[in-house]
Amino acid sequence: MGEAAKSVLSVKDLTTSFLVDGQWKPVVRNIGFDVMPGETVAIVGESGSGKSVTSLSIMRLLARNQSRIDGKIVLNGKDILALSDKEMRRVRGNDAAMIFQEPMTSLNPIFTIGRQISEALTCHGDMTRSEARGETIRLLEKVRIPNASSRFDEYPHQFSGGMRQRVMIAMALASRPKLLIADEPTTALDVTIQGQILDLIKLLQEEEGMSVLFITHDMGVVAEVSDRTIVMYRGEAVETGPTSHIFLRGKHPYTRALLSAVPRLGSMAGQKWPLRFPVVDTATGERSEPVAVADTVVSKTPVLEVKNLTTRFAVRGGLFGAKTGAIHAVENVSFDLFQGETLSLVGESGCGKSTTGRSITRLVEPNAGRVILDGYNVTALDPSSLRRMRRSIQMIFQDPFASLNPRMTVGAAVAEPIIEHGLASRVEARNKAADLLERVGLSADMMARFPHEFSGGQRQRICIARALALDPKVIVADESVSALDVSIK
């Protein structure tokens, strides 16, 4: 019993299967590991490797009629698979808490942020409403949300992606659990906030002796936070060991492929076009001969001109919702984008990057400025002209699940823009959708599936395929690869 008996979490021979076409298909096979008190264990692997399914199995959050969990899971001395639903509800929050990959779909859009965190405190503890409010504000301040007391009564849609992720972290930490399962918790965060959140989790570990099961595809995060690392590939643990050993002496080809795919700052210094990149086979770890990336063709006339763009959001209050102020989201921004060029907007969460992209595509109405796209004066277009203009510009959104229709198959979602704009017949659109899914690393036989049947990274690839469907001249990629593992990026 020894070590396993002392562990906060002990997983033995975990196999999780899903019901597909009347047959049980295993997606996680014979996984086993222990997490000790105060220890951080990272599960790393590419999108679709079974990382999130492993964590959802531990928390018993998979649909019972569509999934089957075999093996043994012992959490804080409790046999998880033997507990009733009522007993399991007490375990969640007190013994273990989870930070999910997609913060917008994890937060209830009809309740305020403050109410949702307060609920976690009052359900799992003996706090009054006023005590819960004070503790909630303290937690929001701890995860670096500015003006926490005034934002207590705001709704999830009023927060940026990174801010929503910080709210999720505050909610998970509310009951001070023994085990924190963090499923890609820093995916939506900029690097400065990412560092702060990782430091915060470390600090809470020291204060509370909390253990962390960290699920990520970011090898930089793994190197910074984890004591031990489990490398997963296609539902199996292919390598396990201390993190330093994995990084320095990783033996499995897939482990080496993951490490070699991590971009290094300054690695492109002194290179000229056409750039040449080696292609890494994630299954074998072999690197092919460098493949040339074609020369960029930069014309003299910009395909997109943005001049003095200003977008502000009204702040309303009082009984009749009168305007009491304004949030200056984008202020006097100007730039040109030429054909074949890539322009990066860089900044921390909440600085106005996404709002700039939404203003250019007129998904948000700018207050002032001029946007010229492919000859269109975007700010002056009527609805029918705006529809035609959007054939020239497409957007890949930050939250892939929220931007896909849950009742539409992914094949229909990718083909829909082609059909709606009358660019091809239904059969031709379907064939193009199949080709696009193949090109983003999925397979054509997945077209009949729905968004909830894919992992976060796979959903992001579907959104990228949909954006490419119209062959646009400009793509606004809002954190388009944040949910993808390094080998797919």
Protein backbone atom coordinates (compact mmCIF):
# COMPACT_ATOMS: atom_id res chain seq x y z
CA MET A 1 0.00 0.00 0.00
CA GLY A 2 2.86 2.35 1.08
CA GLU A 3 3.03 5.30 -1.24
CA ALA A 4 -0.39 4.85 -2.85
CA ALA A 5 -2.03 4.94 0.59
CA LYS A 6 -0.51 8.34 1.35
CA SER A 7 -1.38 9.85 -2.00
CA VAL A 8 -4.12 12.44 -2.45
CA LEU A 9 -5.09 10.79 -5.74
CA SER A 10 -4.34 7.24 -6.87
CA VAL A 11 -5.41 6.09 -10.35
CA LYS A 12 -4.96 2.43 -11.33
CA ASP A 13 -5.66 0.86 -14.76
CA LEU A 14 -8.10 3.63 -15.77
CA THR A 15 -9.86 2.83 -19.04
CA THR A 16 -12.59 5.16 -20.30
CA SER A 17 -14.79 4.13 -23.22
CA PHE A 18 -17.52 5.95 -25.17
CA LEU A 19 -20.53 4.43 -26.90
CA VAL A 20 -20.02 4.92 -30.67
CA ASP A 21 -22.47 3.34 -33.13
CA GLY A 22 -23.59 0.82 -30.54
CA GLN A 23 -20.05 -0.26 -29.58
CA TRP A 24 -17.80 0.76 -26.69
CA LYS A 25 -14.72 2.54 -28.02
CA PRO A 26 -11.87 3.02 -25.48
CA VAL A 27 -10.31 6.51 -25.67
CA VAL A 28 -8.14 6.23 -22.53
CA ARG A 29 -6.42 2.89 -21.93
CA ASN A 30 -4.84 1.53 -18.73
CA ILE A 31 -3.66 4.86 -17.27
CA GLY A 32 -2.13 4.72 -13.79
CA PHE A 33 -0.47 7.37 -11.60
CA ASP A 34 -0.39 8.84 -8.07
CA VAL A 35 -0.47 12.48 -6.94
CA MET A 36 1.16 13.09 -3.56
CA PRO A 37 0.31 15.92 -1.05
CA GLY A 38 1.67 19.26 -2.28
CA GLU A 39 2.86 17.72 -5.56
CA THR A 40 2.17 18.94 -9.11
CA VAL A 41 1.78 16.25 -11.75
CA ALA A 42 1.41 17.32 -15.40
CA ILE A 43 -0.39 15.29 -18.05
CA VAL A 44 0.89 16.47 -21.42
CA GLY A 45 0.00 15.47 -24.97
CA GLU A 46 -1.51 16.73 -28.17
CA SER A 47 -5.16 17.65 -28.68
CA GLY A 48 -7.35 14.52 -28.61
CA SER A 49 -4.80 12.38 -26.75
CA GLY A 50 -7.19 11.74 -23.83
CA LYS A 51 -5.88 14.29 -21.29
CA SER A 52 -9.22 15.97 -20.57
CA VAL A 53 -11.14 12.66 -20.63
CA THR A 54 -8.78 11.41 -17.89
CA SER A 55 -9.58 14.43 -15.69
CA LEU A 56 -13.34 14.23 -16.37
CA SER A 57 -13.25 10.52 -15.46
CA ILE A 58 -11.60 11.34 -12.11
CA MET A 59 -14.32 13.93 -11.35
CA ARG A 60 -17.10 11.65 -12.71
CA LEU A 61 -18.34 14.37 -15.05
CA LEU A 62 -18.89 12.21 -18.15
CA ALA A 63 -22.43 11.36 -19.29
CA ARG A 64 -23.27 8.05 -17.63
CA ASN A 65 -25.31 6.56 -20.52
CA GLN A 66 -22.62 7.39 -23.10
CA SER A 67 -19.44 6.54 -21.17
CA ARG A 68 -17.97 3.69 -19.15
CA ILE A 69 -15.12 3.99 -16.63
CA ASP A 70 -13.14 0.91 -15.58
CA GLY A 71 -10.26 0.65 -13.13
CA LYS A 72 -9.82 2.26 -9.71
CA ILE A 73 -9.75 5.92 -8.64
CA VAL A 74 -9.05 6.73 -4.97
CA LEU A 75 -9.30 10.43 -4.04
CA ASN A 76 -8.48 11.49 -0.49
CA GLY A 77 -9.19 7.93 0.72
CA LYS A 78 -12.55 7.68 -1.12
CA ASP A 79 -13.21 5.12 -3.86
CA ILE A 80 -14.64 7.53 -6.46
CA LEU A 81 -16.27 4.90 -8.69
CA ALA A 82 -18.18 3.43 -5.72
CA LEU A 83 -19.73 6.72 -4.51
CA SER A 84 -23.37 7.69 -5.04
CA ASP A 85 -24.20 10.88 -6.99
CA LYS A 86 -25.01 12.71 -3.72
CA GLU A 87 -21.69 11.69 -2.13
CA MET A 88 -19.84 12.67 -5.32
CA ARG A 89 -21.34 16.18 -5.18
CA ARG A 90 -19.78 16.62 -1.72
CA VAL A 91 -16.40 15.46 -3.08
CA ARG A 92 -16.46 18.06 -5.86
CA GLY A 93 -15.37 21.37 -4.39
CA ASN A 94 -14.24 20.06 -1.00
CA ASP A 95 -11.87 17.22 -1.92
CA ALA A 96 -11.20 18.21 -5.52
CA ALA A 97 -12.01 21.16 -7.76
CA MET A 98 -11.56 21.61 -11.47
CA ILE A 99 -10.66 24.53 -13.73
CA PHE A 100 -12.09 23.89 -17.18
CA GLN A 101 -10.54 24.64 -20.56
CA GLU A 102 -13.29 26.95 -21.88
CA PRO A 103 -14.27 29.56 -19.28
CA MET A 104 -17.23 31.03 -21.18
CA THR A 105 -19.04 27.70 -21.48
CA SER A 106 -18.21 26.84 -17.84
CA LEU A 107 -19.80 30.02 -16.46
CA ASN A 108 -23.58 30.50 -16.36
CA PRO A 109 -24.37 33.49 -18.64
CA ILE A 110 -27.52 34.49 -16.71
CA PHE A 111 -25.88 34.87 -13.27
CA THR A 112 -23.36 37.49 -12.17
CA ILE A 113 -19.75 36.53 -11.58
CA GLY A 114 -20.07 37.33 -7.86
CA ARG A 115 -23.14 35.16 -7.40
CA GLN A 116 -21.48 32.16 -9.07
CA ILE A 117 -18.37 32.29 -6.86
CA SER A 118 -20.45 33.02 -3.73
CA GLU A 119 -22.57 29.95 -4.49
CA ALA A 120 -19.44 27.75 -4.39
CA LEU A 121 -18.66 29.17 -0.92
CA THR A 122 -22.17 28.88 0.56
CA CYS A 123 -22.78 25.36 -0.86
CA HIS A 124 -19.56 23.88 0.54
CA GLY A 125 -19.19 25.97 3.71
CA ASP A 126 -21.13 27.66 6.54
CA MET A 127 -20.92 31.25 5.29
CA THR A 128 -23.53 33.97 5.37
CA ARG A 129 -24.22 35.95 2.19
CA SER A 130 -22.26 38.98 3.35
CA GLU A 131 -19.29 36.81 4.41
CA ALA A 132 -19.39 35.04 1.03
CA ARG A 133 -19.43 38.41 -0.77
CA GLY A 134 -16.35 39.59 1.14
CA GLU A 135 -14.50 36.31 0.49
CA THR A 136 -15.48 36.43 -3.21
CA ILE A 137 -14.05 39.94 -3.60
CA ARG A 138 -10.86 38.79 -1.87
CA LEU A 139 -10.57 35.83 -4.28
CA LEU A 140 -11.16 38.09 -7.31
CA GLU A 141 -8.41 40.42 -6.09
CA LYS A 142 -6.13 37.43 -5.52
CA VAL A 143 -6.47 36.36 -9.18
CA ARG A 144 -5.65 39.95 -10.25
CA ILE A 145 -9.08 41.18 -11.40
CA PRO A 146 -9.02 45.00 -11.19
CA ASN A 147 -11.86 46.84 -9.40
CA ALA A 148 -13.05 43.51 -7.95
CA SER A 149 -15.78 45.03 -5.75
CA SER A 150 -17.38 46.91 -8.67
CA ARG A 151 -17.13 43.88 -11.00
CA PHE A 152 -18.86 41.56 -8.49
CA ASP A 153 -22.25 42.29 -10.10
CA GLU A 154 -21.11 41.98 -13.74
CA TYR A 155 -21.94 39.09 -16.09
CA PRO A 156 -19.51 36.69 -17.87
CA HIS A 157 -19.99 38.37 -21.29
CA GLN A 158 -18.63 41.61 -19.81
CA PHE A 159 -15.22 39.98 -19.16
CA SER A 160 -12.48 39.20 -21.67
CA GLY A 161 -11.42 35.57 -22.26
CA GLY A 162 -8.46 35.88 -19.90
CA MET A 163 -10.57 37.60 -17.23
CA ARG A 164 -13.17 34.82 -17.41
CA GLN A 165 -10.43 32.23 -16.95
CA ARG A 166 -9.28 34.05 -13.81
CA VAL A 167 -12.87 33.98 -12.50
CA MET A 168 -12.91 30.20 -13.04
CA ILE A 169 -9.66 29.86 -11.09
CA ALA A 170 -11.09 31.97 -8.23
CA MET A 171 -14.20 29.73 -8.15
CA ALA A 172 -12.12 26.53 -8.07
CA LEU A 173 -9.97 27.83 -5.23
CA ALA A 174 -12.97 29.03 -3.18
CA SER A 175 -13.32 25.90 -1.02
CA ARG A 176 -9.56 25.33 -0.72
CA PRO A 177 -9.65 21.77 -2.15
CA LYS A 178 -7.03 19.10 -1.44
CA LEU A 179 -6.63 18.49 -5.19
CA LEU A 180 -6.93 21.04 -7.98
CA ILE A 181 -7.39 19.62 -11.48
CA ALA A 182 -6.37 22.33 -13.93
CA ASP A 183 -7.42 21.51 -17.51
CA GLU A 184 -5.47 23.96 -19.73
CA PRO A 185 -5.98 26.75 -17.13
CA THR A 186 -3.62 29.24 -18.80
CA THR A 187 -4.63 28.66 -22.43
CA ALA A 188 -6.63 31.90 -22.71
CA LEU A 189 -4.18 34.03 -20.74
CA ASP A 190 -1.41 36.30 -21.99
CA VAL A 191 2.11 35.49 -20.84
CA THR A 192 2.25 38.10 -18.05
CA ILE A 193 -1.02 36.94 -16.47
CA GLN A 194 -0.07 33.31 -17.12
CA GLY A 195 3.04 33.80 -14.98
CA GLN A 196 0.97 35.43 -12.22
CA ILE A 197 -1.59 32.59 -12.21
CA LEU A 198 1.12 29.92 -12.08
CA ASP A 199 2.76 31.79 -9.20
CA LEU A 200 -0.63 32.01 -7.47
CA ILE A 201 -1.22 28.26 -7.77
CA LYS A 202 2.27 27.62 -6.39
CA LEU A 203 1.61 30.00 -3.46
CA LEU A 204 -1.67 28.27 -2.60
CA GLN A 205 0.08 24.91 -2.75
CA GLU A 206 2.58 26.12 -0.14
CA GLU A 207 -0.13 27.64 2.08
CA GLU A 208 -2.63 24.78 1.90
CA GLY A 209 -0.49 21.78 0.94
CA MET A 210 -2.75 21.50 -2.11
CA SER A 211 -1.91 19.01 -4.87
CA VAL A 212 -2.33 19.91 -8.55
CA LEU A 213 -3.03 17.73 -11.56
CA PHE A 214 -2.05 19.99 -14.45
CA ILE A 215 -3.37 19.10 -17.92
CA THR A 216 -1.68 21.04 -20.70
CA HIS A 217 -0.06 20.95 -24.12
CA ASP A 218 2.27 23.85 -23.23
CA MET A 219 5.71 22.41 -22.52
CA GLY A 220 6.84 25.77 -21.11
CA VAL A 221 4.16 25.54 -18.41
CA VAL A 222 5.14 21.92 -17.71
CA ALA A 223 8.78 22.92 -17.21
CA GLU A 224 7.79 25.71 -14.81
CA VAL A 225 5.22 24.04 -12.56
CA SER A 226 5.34 20.25 -12.55
CA ASP A 227 7.31 17.85 -10.37
CA ARG A 228 6.43 14.81 -12.46
CA THR A 229 5.14 14.50 -16.03
CA ILE A 230 2.98 11.92 -17.82
CA VAL A 231 3.17 12.04 -21.62
CA MET A 232 -0.03 10.82 -23.32
CA TYR A 233 -0.42 9.80 -26.95
CA ARG A 234 -3.62 8.39 -28.48
CA GLY A 235 -5.13 7.44 -25.13
CA GLU A 236 -2.07 5.81 -23.60
CA ALA A 237 0.68 6.97 -21.23
CA VAL A 238 3.81 6.53 -23.35
CA GLU A 239 6.30 7.97 -20.83
CA THR A 240 6.26 8.91 -17.12
CA GLY A 241 8.96 10.37 -14.90
CA PRO A 242 10.36 13.42 -13.10
CA THR A 243 9.92 16.52 -15.29
CA SER A 244 13.67 17.22 -15.49
CA HIS A 245 14.26 13.65 -16.67
CA ILE A 246 11.52 13.90 -19.33
CA PHE A 247 13.00 17.16 -20.67
CA LEU A 248 16.64 16.08 -20.66
CA ARG A 249 16.41 12.35 -21.34
CA GLY A 250 12.95 11.67 -22.77
CA LYS A 251 13.14 8.35 -24.60
CA HIS A 252 9.85 8.04 -26.48
CA PRO A 253 9.84 9.50 -30.03
CA TYR A 254 6.60 11.38 -29.31
CA THR A 255 8.12 13.05 -26.23
CA ARG A 256 11.08 14.21 -28.32
CA ALA A 257 8.72 15.42 -31.07
CA LEU A 258 6.74 17.50 -28.55
CA LEU A 259 9.92 19.12 -27.22
CA SER A 260 11.36 19.82 -30.68
CA ALA A 261 8.09 21.47 -31.80
CA VAL A 262 8.27 24.15 -29.06
CA PRO A 263 9.05 27.52 -30.71
CA ARG A 264 12.15 29.25 -29.35
CA LEU A 265 12.41 33.03 -29.04
CA GLY A 266 14.97 34.42 -31.49
CA SER A 267 15.17 31.23 -33.56
CA MET A 268 14.23 33.14 -36.75
CA ALA A 269 16.91 35.82 -36.30
CA GLY A 270 18.88 36.45 -39.48
CA GLN A 271 16.66 34.25 -41.64
CA LYS A 272 15.46 35.50 -45.02
CA TRP A 273 12.46 34.58 -47.15
CA PRO A 274 11.64 31.99 -48.23
CA LEU A 275 11.80 30.59 -44.69
CA ARG A 276 12.50 26.85 -44.42
CA PHE A 277 11.02 24.76 -41.62
CA PRO A 278 11.57 21.06 -40.83
CA VAL A 279 8.37 19.03 -40.50
CA VAL A 280 8.21 16.88 -37.33
CA ASP A 281 6.29 13.59 -37.45
CA THR A 282 4.59 13.41 -34.01
CA ALA A 283 4.24 9.62 -34.15
CA THR A 284 7.91 8.85 -34.79
CA GLY A 285 9.71 12.06 -33.80
CA GLU A 286 11.55 12.11 -37.15
CA ARG A 287 12.30 15.46 -38.77
CA SER A 288 11.97 15.74 -42.54
CA GLU A 289 14.06 17.93 -44.83
CA PRO A 290 13.16 21.62 -44.33
CA VAL A 291 10.14 22.70 -46.35
CA ALA A 292 10.28 26.15 -47.95
CA VAL A 293 7.50 28.60 -47.14
CA ALA A 294 6.72 30.66 -50.24
CA ASP A 295 7.86 34.28 -50.57
CA THR A 296 5.36 36.79 -49.32
CA VAL A 297 3.93 38.92 -52.08
CA VAL A 298 3.58 42.42 -50.66
CA SER A 299 1.65 44.84 -52.85
CA LYS A 300 1.89 48.61 -52.58
CA THR A 301 -1.83 49.04 -51.89
CA PRO A 302 -2.93 47.72 -48.47
CA VAL A 303 -5.72 45.15 -48.48
CA LEU A 304 -6.81 46.57 -45.10
CA GLU A 305 -6.44 50.19 -43.91
CA VAL A 306 -7.39 51.16 -40.38
CA LYS A 307 -7.24 54.83 -39.45
CA ASN A 308 -7.90 56.30 -35.98
CA LEU A 309 -10.20 53.43 -34.95
CA THR A 310 -12.01 54.14 -31.69
CA THR A 311 -14.45 51.79 -29.94
CA ARG A 312 -16.02 52.51 -26.56
CA PHE A 313 -18.61 50.64 -24.54
CA ALA A 314 -21.21 52.49 -22.49
CA VAL A 315 -21.34 51.81 -18.74
CA ARG A 316 -24.94 52.00 -17.52
CA GLY A 317 -26.32 52.16 -14.01
CA GLY A 318 -29.20 53.39 -11.92
CA LEU A 319 -32.87 52.44 -12.02
CA PHE A 320 -33.39 53.25 -15.72
CA GLY A 321 -29.99 52.11 -16.98
CA ALA A 322 -28.74 55.60 -17.79
CA LYS A 323 -25.24 55.95 -19.23
CA THR A 324 -22.83 56.68 -16.37
CA GLY A 325 -19.52 56.35 -18.22
CA ALA A 326 -17.65 54.55 -20.97
CA ILE A 327 -14.98 51.86 -21.26
CA HIS A 328 -12.32 52.97 -23.74
CA ALA A 329 -11.66 49.56 -25.33
CA VAL A 330 -9.85 50.81 -28.47
CA GLU A 331 -8.54 54.35 -28.74
CA ASN A 332 -7.17 55.96 -31.94
CA VAL A 333 -5.60 52.81 -33.45
CA SER A 334 -4.15 52.94 -36.99
CA PHE A 335 -2.35 50.35 -39.16
CA ASP A 336 -2.14 48.96 -42.71
CA LEU A 337 -2.13 45.30 -43.73
CA PHE A 338 -0.73 44.31 -47.13
CA GLN A 339 -1.43 41.24 -49.27
CA GLY A 340 0.56 38.20 -48.10
CA GLU A 341 1.57 39.94 -44.86
CA THR A 342 1.01 38.81 -41.28
CA LEU A 343 0.46 41.56 -38.73
CA SER A 344 0.38 40.74 -35.01
CA LEU A 345 -1.58 42.65 -32.37
CA VAL A 346 0.08 41.81 -29.07
CA GLY A 347 -0.99 42.78 -25.57
CA GLU A 348 -2.29 41.41 -22.31
CA SER A 349 -5.81 40.21 -21.64
CA GLY A 350 -8.35 43.05 -21.73
CA CYS A 351 -6.14 45.51 -23.65
CA GLY A 352 -8.46 45.73 -26.70
CA LYS A 353 -7.00 43.18 -29.16
CA SER A 354 -10.24 41.22 -29.71
CA THR A 355 -12.33 44.42 -29.83
CA THR A 356 -10.07 45.77 -32.59
CA GLY A 357 -10.69 42.62 -34.66
CA ARG A 358 -14.44 42.71 -34.02
CA SER A 359 -14.59 46.42 -34.92
CA ILE A 360 -12.82 45.80 -38.26
CA THR A 361 -15.37 43.10 -39.17
CA ARG A 362 -18.27 45.27 -37.85
CA LEU A 363 -19.28 42.64 -35.29
CA VAL A 364 -18.88 45.57 -32.89
CA GLU A 365 -19.81 49.07 -34.07
CA PRO A 366 -16.83 51.45 -33.80
CA ASN A 367 -17.46 54.96 -32.51
CA ALA A 368 -15.01 56.68 -34.83
CA GLY A 369 -12.32 56.06 -37.41
CA ARG A 370 -12.14 54.60 -40.90
CA VAL A 371 -11.75 50.99 -42.04
CA ILE A 372 -11.09 50.27 -45.74
CA LEU A 373 -11.08 46.58 -46.70
CA ASP A 374 -10.47 45.46 -50.29
CA GLY A 375 -12.00 48.70 -51.55
CA TYR A 376 -14.99 48.66 -49.15
CA ASN A 377 -15.50 51.50 -46.67
CA VAL A 378 -16.50 49.08 -43.90
CA THR A 379 -17.92 51.67 -41.49
CA ALA A 380 -20.39 53.00 -44.13
CA LEU A 381 -21.79 49.70 -45.49
CA ASP A 382 -25.49 48.79 -45.50
CA PRO A 383 -26.46 45.23 -44.37
CA SER A 384 -26.38 43.61 -47.85
CA SER A 385 -23.01 45.21 -48.71
CA LEU A 386 -21.68 44.20 -45.29
CA ARG A 387 -22.64 40.59 -46.05
CA ARG A 388 -20.71 40.72 -49.36
CA MET A 389 -17.73 42.35 -47.64
CA ARG A 390 -17.50 39.46 -45.16
CA ARG A 391 -16.54 37.13 -48.00
CA SER A 392 -13.23 39.02 -48.02
CA ILE A 393 -12.61 38.86 -44.26
CA GLN A 394 -13.22 35.98 -41.86
CA MET A 395 -12.66 35.69 -38.13
CA ILE A 396 -11.40 32.78 -36.03
CA PHE A 397 -12.81 33.35 -32.55
CA GLN A 398 -11.03 32.84 -29.24
CA ASP A 399 -13.61 30.47 -27.75
CA PRO A 400 -14.22 27.69 -30.31
CA PHE A 401 -17.12 26.04 -28.48
CA ALA A 402 -19.12 29.27 -28.15
CA SER A 403 -18.66 30.04 -31.87
CA LEU A 404 -19.95 26.66 -33.11
CA ASN A 405 -23.67 25.82 -33.25
CA PRO A 406 -24.08 22.84 -30.85
CA ARG A 407 -27.03 21.51 -32.92
CA MET A 408 -25.17 21.54 -36.24
CA THR A 409 -22.71 18.85 -37.35
CA VAL A 410 -19.17 20.09 -37.97
CA GLY A 411 -19.43 19.18 -41.66
CA ALA A 412 -22.52 21.38 -42.02
CA ALA A 413 -20.81 24.18 -40.01
CA VAL A 414 -17.78 24.27 -42.34
CA ALA A 415 -19.90 23.99 -45.51
CA GLU A 416 -22.50 26.59 -44.41
CA PRO A 417 -20.56 29.77 -45.40
CA ILE A 418 -19.92 28.36 -48.91
CA ILE A 419 -23.61 27.55 -49.41
CA GLU A 420 -24.89 30.80 -47.85
CA HIS A 421 -22.73 32.92 -50.15
CA GLY A 422 -23.78 30.85 -53.20
CA LEU A 423 -20.21 29.88 -54.10
CA ALA A 424 -20.90 26.19 -54.75
CA SER A 425 -23.57 23.51 -54.74
CA ARG A 426 -24.27 21.53 -51.58
CA VAL A 427 -22.28 18.54 -52.84
CA GLU A 428 -19.30 20.72 -53.83
CA ALA A 429 -19.47 22.58 -50.49
CA ARG A 430 -19.51 19.27 -48.62
CA ASN A 431 -16.49 18.01 -50.58
CA LYS A 432 -14.59 21.23 -49.85
CA ALA A 433 -15.52 20.97 -46.14
CA ALA A 434 -14.12 17.40 -46.07
CA ASP A 435 -10.88 18.59 -47.70
CA LEU A 436 -10.53 21.50 -45.24
CA LEU A 437 -11.02 19.22 -42.22
CA GLU A 438 -8.28 16.95 -43.57
CA ARG A 439 -5.97 19.95 -44.04
CA VAL A 440 -6.37 21.09 -40.41
CA GLY A 441 -5.46 17.62 -39.10
CA LEU A 442 -8.91 16.05 -38.68
CA SER A 443 -10.51 13.38 -40.87
CA ALA A 444 -13.43 13.62 -43.30
CA ASP A 445 -15.33 10.84 -41.49
CA MET A 446 -15.73 13.21 -38.51
CA MET A 447 -18.11 15.46 -40.51
CA ALA A 448 -21.24 13.84 -39.03
CA ARG A 449 -20.17 14.53 -35.42
CA PHE A 450 -21.31 17.44 -33.25
CA PRO A 451 -19.02 20.00 -31.51
CA HIS A 452 -19.39 18.44 -28.04
CA GLU A 453 -17.82 15.22 -29.38
CA PHE A 454 -14.47 16.96 -29.96
CA SER A 455 -11.71 18.18 -27.65
CA GLY A 456 -11.00 21.92 -27.24
CA GLY A 457 -8.08 21.85 -29.67
CA GLN A 458 -10.07 19.87 -32.25
CA ARG A 459 -12.93 22.39 -32.04
CA GLN A 460 -10.44 25.19 -32.68
CA ARG A 461 -9.27 23.38 -35.82
CA ILE A 462 -12.89 23.15 -37.01
CA CYS A 463 -13.24 26.93 -36.58
CA ILE A 464 -10.03 27.47 -38.58
CA ALA A 465 -11.39 25.23 -41.38
CA ARG A 466 -14.66 27.21 -41.40
CA ALA A 467 -12.79 30.54 -41.65
CA LEU A 468 -10.81 29.23 -44.64
CA ALA A 469 -13.95 27.97 -46.45
CA LEU A 470 -14.58 31.27 -48.32
CA ASP A 471 -10.92 31.76 -49.35
CA PRO A 472 -10.90 35.19 -47.66
CA LYS A 473 -8.31 37.88 -48.40
CA VAL A 474 -7.93 38.70 -44.68
CA ILE A 475 -8.24 36.42 -41.66
CA VAL A 476 -8.63 37.96 -38.20
CA ALA A 477 -7.24 35.23 -35.95
CA ASP A 478 -8.23 35.99 -32.35
CA GLU A 479 -5.97 33.70 -30.28
CA SER A 480 -6.48 31.16 -33.06
CA VAL A 481 -3.83 28.67 -31.88
CA SER A 482 -4.09 29.19 -28.11
CA ALA A 483 -6.09 25.95 -27.73
CA LEU A 484 -3.74 23.89 -29.93
CA ASP A 485 -0.78 21.80 -28.91
CA VAL A 486 2.66 22.80 -30.21
CA SER A 487 2.88 20.07 -32.85
CA ILE A 488 -0.43 21.17 -34.45
CA LYS A 489 0.31 24.92 -34.13
